[in-house]
PDB file of N, CA and C in Angstrom:
ATOM      1  N   SER A   1       5.841  -2.997  28.530  1.00  0.00           N
ATOM      2  CA  SER A   1       5.718  -2.459  27.181  1.00  0.00           C
ATOM      3  C   SER A   1       5.311  -0.994  27.252  1.00  0.00           C
ATOM      4  N   VAL A   2       5.634  -0.276  26.218  1.00  0.00           N
ATOM      5  CA  VAL A   2       5.374   1.162  26.160  1.00  0.00           C
ATOM      6  C   VAL A   2       4.526   1.461  24.935  1.00  0.00           C
ATOM      7  N   CYS A   3       3.529   2.293  25.104  1.00  0.00           N
ATOM      8  CA  CYS A   3       2.685   2.723  23.989  1.00  0.00           C
ATOM      9  C   CYS A   3       2.975   4.194  23.709  1.00  0.00           C
ATOM     10  N   ILE A   4       3.349   4.497  22.487  1.00  0.00           N
ATOM     11  CA  ILE A   4       3.630   5.875  22.102  1.00  0.00           C
ATOM     12  C   ILE A   4       2.639   6.279  21.028  1.00  0.00           C
ATOM     13  N   ILE A   5       1.957   7.365  21.267  1.00  0.00           N
ATOM     14  CA  ILE A   5       1.042   7.906  20.271  1.00  0.00           C
ATOM     15  C   ILE A   5       1.663   9.182  19.744  1.00  0.00           C
ATOM     16  N   ALA A   6       1.980   9.192  18.484  1.00  0.00           N
ATOM     17  CA  ALA A   6       2.570  10.370  17.858  1.00  0.00           C
ATOM     18  C   ALA A   6       1.572  10.927  16.859  1.00  0.00           C
ATOM     19  N   ALA A   7       1.275  12.179  16.998  1.00  0.00           N
ATOM     20  CA  ALA A   7       0.302  12.813  16.108  1.00  0.00           C
ATOM     21  C   ALA A   7       1.015  13.492  14.950  1.00  0.00           C
ATOM     22  N   LEU A   8       0.711  13.038  13.771  1.00  0.00           N
ATOM     23  CA  LEU A   8       1.195  13.684  12.554  1.00  0.00           C
ATOM     24  C   LEU A   8      -0.017  14.360  11.932  1.00  0.00           C
ATOM     25  N   THR A   9      -0.105  15.643  12.078  1.00  0.00           N
ATOM     26  CA  THR A   9      -1.321  16.338  11.678  1.00  0.00           C
ATOM     27  C   THR A   9      -1.321  16.718  10.213  1.00  0.00           C
ATOM     28  N   LYS A  10      -2.515  16.787   9.671  1.00  0.00           N
ATOM     29  CA  LYS A  10      -2.705  17.230   8.291  1.00  0.00           C
ATOM     30  C   LYS A  10      -3.319  18.623   8.347  1.00  0.00           C
ATOM     31  N   VAL A  11      -2.549  19.598   7.977  1.00  0.00           N
ATOM     32  CA  VAL A  11      -3.009  20.984   7.990  1.00  0.00           C
ATOM     33  C   VAL A  11      -3.690  21.274   6.656  1.00  0.00           C
ATOM     34  N   PRO A  12      -4.826  21.988   6.666  1.00  0.00           N
ATOM     35  CA  PRO A  12      -5.524  22.272   5.412  1.00  0.00           C
ATOM     36  C   PRO A  12      -4.728  23.224   4.531  1.00  0.00           C
ATOM     37  N   TRP A  13      -3.847  22.705   3.767  1.00  0.00           N
ATOM     38  CA  TRP A  13      -2.958  23.484   2.909  1.00  0.00           C
ATOM     39  C   TRP A  13      -3.239  23.088   1.466  1.00  0.00           C
ATOM     40  N   PRO A  14      -3.047  23.971   0.513  1.00  0.00           N
ATOM     41  CA  PRO A  14      -3.416  23.652  -0.869  1.00  0.00           C
ATOM     42  C   PRO A  14      -2.842  22.350  -1.419  1.00  0.00           C
ATOM     43  N   LYS A  15      -1.625  22.011  -1.057  1.00  0.00           N
ATOM     44  CA  LYS A  15      -1.008  20.811  -1.624  1.00  0.00           C
ATOM     45  C   LYS A  15      -0.854  19.690  -0.604  1.00  0.00           C
ATOM     46  N   ALA A  16      -1.616  19.743   0.496  1.00  0.00           N
ATOM     47  CA  ALA A  16      -1.532  18.694   1.514  1.00  0.00           C
ATOM     48  C   ALA A  16      -2.144  17.409   0.965  1.00  0.00           C
ATOM     49  N   GLU A  17      -1.423  16.316   1.114  1.00  0.00           N
ATOM     50  CA  GLU A  17      -1.881  15.027   0.627  1.00  0.00           C
ATOM     51  C   GLU A  17      -1.674  13.989   1.711  1.00  0.00           C
ATOM     52  N   LYS A  18      -2.452  12.918   1.661  1.00  0.00           N
ATOM     53  CA  LYS A  18      -2.296  11.845   2.628  1.00  0.00           C
ATOM     54  C   LYS A  18      -0.927  11.186   2.524  1.00  0.00           C
ATOM     55  N   LYS A  19      -0.339  11.177   1.336  1.00  0.00           N
ATOM     56  CA  LYS A  19       0.971  10.549   1.156  1.00  0.00           C
ATOM     57  C   LYS A  19       2.035  11.202   2.029  1.00  0.00           C
ATOM     58  N   ARG A  20       1.866  12.442   2.373  1.00  0.00           N
ATOM     59  CA  ARG A  20       2.857  13.135   3.199  1.00  0.00           C
ATOM     60  C   ARG A  20       2.916  12.579   4.615  1.00  0.00           C
ATOM     61  N   GLU A  21       1.824  11.968   5.067  1.00  0.00           N
ATOM     62  CA  GLU A  21       1.796  11.446   6.431  1.00  0.00           C
ATOM     63  C   GLU A  21       2.847  10.350   6.615  1.00  0.00           C
ATOM     64  N   THR A  22       3.034   9.504   5.625  1.00  0.00           N
ATOM     65  CA  THR A  22       3.956   8.383   5.777  1.00  0.00           C
ATOM     66  C   THR A  22       5.411   8.806   5.670  1.00  0.00           C
ATOM     67  N   LYS A  23       5.692   9.949   5.066  1.00  0.00           N
ATOM     68  CA  LYS A  23       7.096  10.359   4.940  1.00  0.00           C
ATOM     69  C   LYS A  23       7.686  10.769   6.285  1.00  0.00           C
ATOM     70  N   HIS A  24       6.855  11.016   7.287  1.00  0.00           N
ATOM     71  CA  HIS A  24       7.349  11.411   8.603  1.00  0.00           C
ATOM     72  C   HIS A  24       7.682  10.210   9.486  1.00  0.00           C
ATOM     73  N   THR A  25       7.255   9.025   9.076  1.00  0.00           N
ATOM     74  CA  THR A  25       7.519   7.830   9.878  1.00  0.00           C
ATOM     75  C   THR A  25       9.010   7.594  10.089  1.00  0.00           C
ATOM     76  N   PRO A  26       9.869   7.708   9.071  1.00  0.00           N
ATOM     77  CA  PRO A  26      11.311   7.533   9.317  1.00  0.00           C
ATOM     78  C   PRO A  26      11.868   8.559  10.310  1.00  0.00           C
ATOM     79  N   LEU A  27      11.347   9.775  10.283  1.00  0.00           N
ATOM     80  CA  LEU A  27      11.801  10.791  11.244  1.00  0.00           C
ATOM     81  C   LEU A  27      11.405  10.403  12.665  1.00  0.00           C
ATOM     82  N   LEU A  28      10.186   9.890  12.807  1.00  0.00           N
ATOM     83  CA  LEU A  28       9.731   9.439  14.121  1.00  0.00           C
ATOM     84  C   LEU A  28      10.594   8.280  14.609  1.00  0.00           C
ATOM     85  N   ARG A  29      10.866   7.317  13.723  1.00  0.00           N
ATOM     86  CA  ARG A  29      11.715   6.177  14.106  1.00  0.00           C
ATOM     87  C   ARG A  29      13.115   6.638  14.521  1.00  0.00           C
ATOM     88  N   LYS A  30      13.659   7.617  13.823  1.00  0.00           N
ATOM     89  CA  LYS A  30      14.989   8.136  14.152  1.00  0.00           C
ATOM     90  C   LYS A  30      14.983   8.781  15.535  1.00  0.00           C
ATOM     91  N   ASP A  31      13.962   9.588  15.820  1.00  0.00           N
ATOM     92  CA  ASP A  31      13.866  10.229  17.134  1.00  0.00           C
ATOM     93  C   ASP A  31      13.708   9.199  18.244  1.00  0.00           C
ATOM     94  N   LEU A  32      12.900   8.168  17.989  1.00  0.00           N
ATOM     95  CA  LEU A  32      12.719   7.120  18.991  1.00  0.00           C
ATOM     96  C   LEU A  32      14.013   6.341  19.203  1.00  0.00           C
ATOM     97  N   ALA A  33      14.770   6.102  18.139  1.00  0.00           N
ATOM     98  CA  ALA A  33      16.055   5.400  18.256  1.00  0.00           C
ATOM     99  C   ALA A  33      17.035   6.220  19.088  1.00  0.00           C
ATOM    100  N   LEU A  34      17.030   7.532  18.894  1.00  0.00           N
ATOM    101  CA  LEU A  34      17.899   8.397  19.701  1.00  0.00           C
ATOM    102  C   LEU A  34      17.519   8.345  21.178  1.00  0.00           C
ATOM    103  N   ALA A  35      16.244   8.061  21.446  1.00  0.00           N
ATOM    104  CA  ALA A  35      15.773   7.940  22.826  1.00  0.00           C
ATOM    105  C   ALA A  35      15.978   6.527  23.370  1.00  0.00           C
ATOM    106  N   GLY A  36      16.598   5.642  22.559  1.00  0.00           N
ATOM    107  CA  GLY A  36      16.888   4.295  23.026  1.00  0.00           C
ATOM    108  C   GLY A  36      15.828   3.267  22.673  1.00  0.00           C
ATOM    109  N   MET A  37      14.845   3.641  21.876  1.00  0.00           N
ATOM    110  CA  MET A  37      13.778   2.713  21.483  1.00  0.00           C
ATOM    111  C   MET A  37      13.998   2.314  20.030  1.00  0.00           C
ATOM    112  N   ASN A  38      14.697   1.191  19.825  1.00  0.00           N
ATOM    113  CA  ASN A  38      15.071   0.770  18.479  1.00  0.00           C
ATOM    114  C   ASN A  38      14.074  -0.178  17.828  1.00  0.00           C
ATOM    115  N   GLN A  39      13.393  -0.971  18.596  1.00  0.00           N
ATOM    116  CA  GLN A  39      12.471  -1.978  18.057  1.00  0.00           C
ATOM    117  C   GLN A  39      11.037  -1.475  18.195  1.00  0.00           C
ATOM    118  N   VAL A  40      10.660  -0.544  17.348  1.00  0.00           N
ATOM    119  CA  VAL A  40       9.334   0.069  17.423  1.00  0.00           C
ATOM    120  C   VAL A  40       8.471  -0.468  16.289  1.00  0.00           C
ATOM    121  N   ALA A  41       7.269  -0.906  16.626  1.00  0.00           N
ATOM    122  CA  ALA A  41       6.319  -1.381  15.616  1.00  0.00           C
ATOM    123  C   ALA A  41       5.261  -0.308  15.395  1.00  0.00           C
ATOM    124  N   VAL A  42       5.059   0.066  14.146  1.00  0.00           N
ATOM    125  CA  VAL A  42       3.994   1.012  13.809  1.00  0.00           C
ATOM    126  C   VAL A  42       2.764   0.179  13.481  1.00  0.00           C
ATOM    127  N   TRP A  43       1.746   0.270  14.319  1.00  0.00           N
ATOM    128  CA  TRP A  43       0.548  -0.542  14.115  1.00  0.00           C
ATOM    129  C   TRP A  43      -0.417   0.109  13.141  1.00  0.00           C
ATOM    130  N   THR A  44      -0.580   1.392  13.270  1.00  0.00           N
ATOM    131  CA  THR A  44      -1.524   2.078  12.390  1.00  0.00           C
ATOM    132  C   THR A  44      -1.131   3.536  12.244  1.00  0.00           C
ATOM    133  N   GLN A  45      -1.474   4.104  11.129  1.00  0.00           N
ATOM    134  CA  GLN A  45      -1.267   5.525  10.898  1.00  0.00           C
ATOM    135  C   GLN A  45      -2.583   6.093  10.400  1.00  0.00           C
ATOM    136  N   ARG A  46      -3.039   7.151  11.041  1.00  0.00           N
ATOM    137  CA  ARG A  46      -4.284   7.782  10.635  1.00  0.00           C
ATOM    138  C   ARG A  46      -4.087   9.278  10.524  1.00  0.00           C
ATOM    139  N   PRO A  47      -4.166   9.819   9.320  1.00  0.00           N
ATOM    140  CA  PRO A  47      -4.092  11.281   9.192  1.00  0.00           C
ATOM    141  C   PRO A  47      -5.393  11.903   9.675  1.00  0.00           C
ATOM    142  N   PHE A  48      -5.292  13.060  10.288  1.00  0.00           N
ATOM    143  CA  PHE A  48      -6.501  13.779  10.683  1.00  0.00           C
ATOM    144  C   PHE A  48      -6.273  15.265  10.490  1.00  0.00           C
ATOM    145  N   ASN A  49      -7.352  15.956  10.323  1.00  0.00           N
ATOM    146  CA  ASN A  49      -7.320  17.390  10.097  1.00  0.00           C
ATOM    147  C   ASN A  49      -7.234  18.096  11.447  1.00  0.00           C
ATOM    148  N   TYR A  50      -6.175  18.834  11.674  1.00  0.00           N
ATOM    149  CA  TYR A  50      -5.978  19.515  12.950  1.00  0.00           C
ATOM    150  C   TYR A  50      -6.967  20.656  13.144  1.00  0.00           C
ATOM    151  N   PHE A  51      -7.404  21.265  12.055  1.00  0.00           N
ATOM    152  CA  PHE A  51      -8.364  22.363  12.118  1.00  0.00           C
ATOM    153  C   PHE A  51      -9.656  21.936  11.425  1.00  0.00           C
ATOM    154  N   PRO A  52     -10.502  21.142  12.076  1.00  0.00           N
ATOM    155  CA  PRO A  52     -11.673  20.582  11.392  1.00  0.00           C
ATOM    156  C   PRO A  52     -12.689  21.621  10.917  1.00  0.00           C
ATOM    157  N   ARG A  53     -12.723  22.800  11.502  1.00  0.00           N
ATOM    158  CA  ARG A  53     -13.703  23.807  11.100  1.00  0.00           C
ATOM    159  C   ARG A  53     -13.230  24.648   9.924  1.00  0.00           C
ATOM    160  N   PHE A  54     -11.977  24.551   9.561  1.00  0.00           N
ATOM    161  CA  PHE A  54     -11.426  25.377   8.495  1.00  0.00           C
ATOM    162  C   PHE A  54     -11.152  24.538   7.255  1.00  0.00           C
ATOM    163  N   THR A  55     -11.492  25.081   6.115  1.00  0.00           N
ATOM    164  CA  THR A  55     -11.167  24.451   4.838  1.00  0.00           C
ATOM    165  C   THR A  55     -10.413  25.478   4.005  1.00  0.00           C
ATOM    166  N   GLN A  56     -10.018  25.096   2.812  1.00  0.00           N
ATOM    167  CA  GLN A  56      -9.330  26.043   1.943  1.00  0.00           C
ATOM    168  C   GLN A  56     -10.263  27.164   1.505  1.00  0.00           C
ATOM    169  N   GLU A  57     -11.573  26.906   1.579  1.00  0.00           N
ATOM    170  CA  GLU A  57     -12.552  27.926   1.199  1.00  0.00           C
ATOM    171  C   GLU A  57     -12.935  28.830   2.371  1.00  0.00           C
ATOM    172  N   GLY A  58     -12.589  28.443   3.585  1.00  0.00           N
ATOM    173  CA  GLY A  58     -12.930  29.249   4.765  1.00  0.00           C
ATOM    174  C   GLY A  58     -13.569  28.397   5.842  1.00  0.00           C
ATOM    175  N   LEU A  59     -14.344  29.014   6.709  1.00  0.00           N
ATOM    176  CA  LEU A  59     -15.005  28.304   7.803  1.00  0.00           C
ATOM    177  C   LEU A  59     -16.135  27.425   7.301  1.00  0.00           C
ATOM    178  N   LYS A  60     -16.338  26.303   7.976  1.00  0.00           N
ATOM    179  CA  LYS A  60     -17.471  25.426   7.650  1.00  0.00           C
ATOM    180  C   LYS A  60     -18.725  25.974   8.291  1.00  0.00           C
TER     181      LYS A  60
END
């Protein structure tokens, strides 16, 4: 079995929302299918802030 960890980052942008994280799942599945991995199970999705020290107001 193969474990693939794909990071979909949430950048601190004015209109960034958690809902955007799930819209990338079909793109990930398509890329994996092109690589020959068609039966992929997504166990969990967790958005995280790539720049934890930065907010829209500036540095923490």
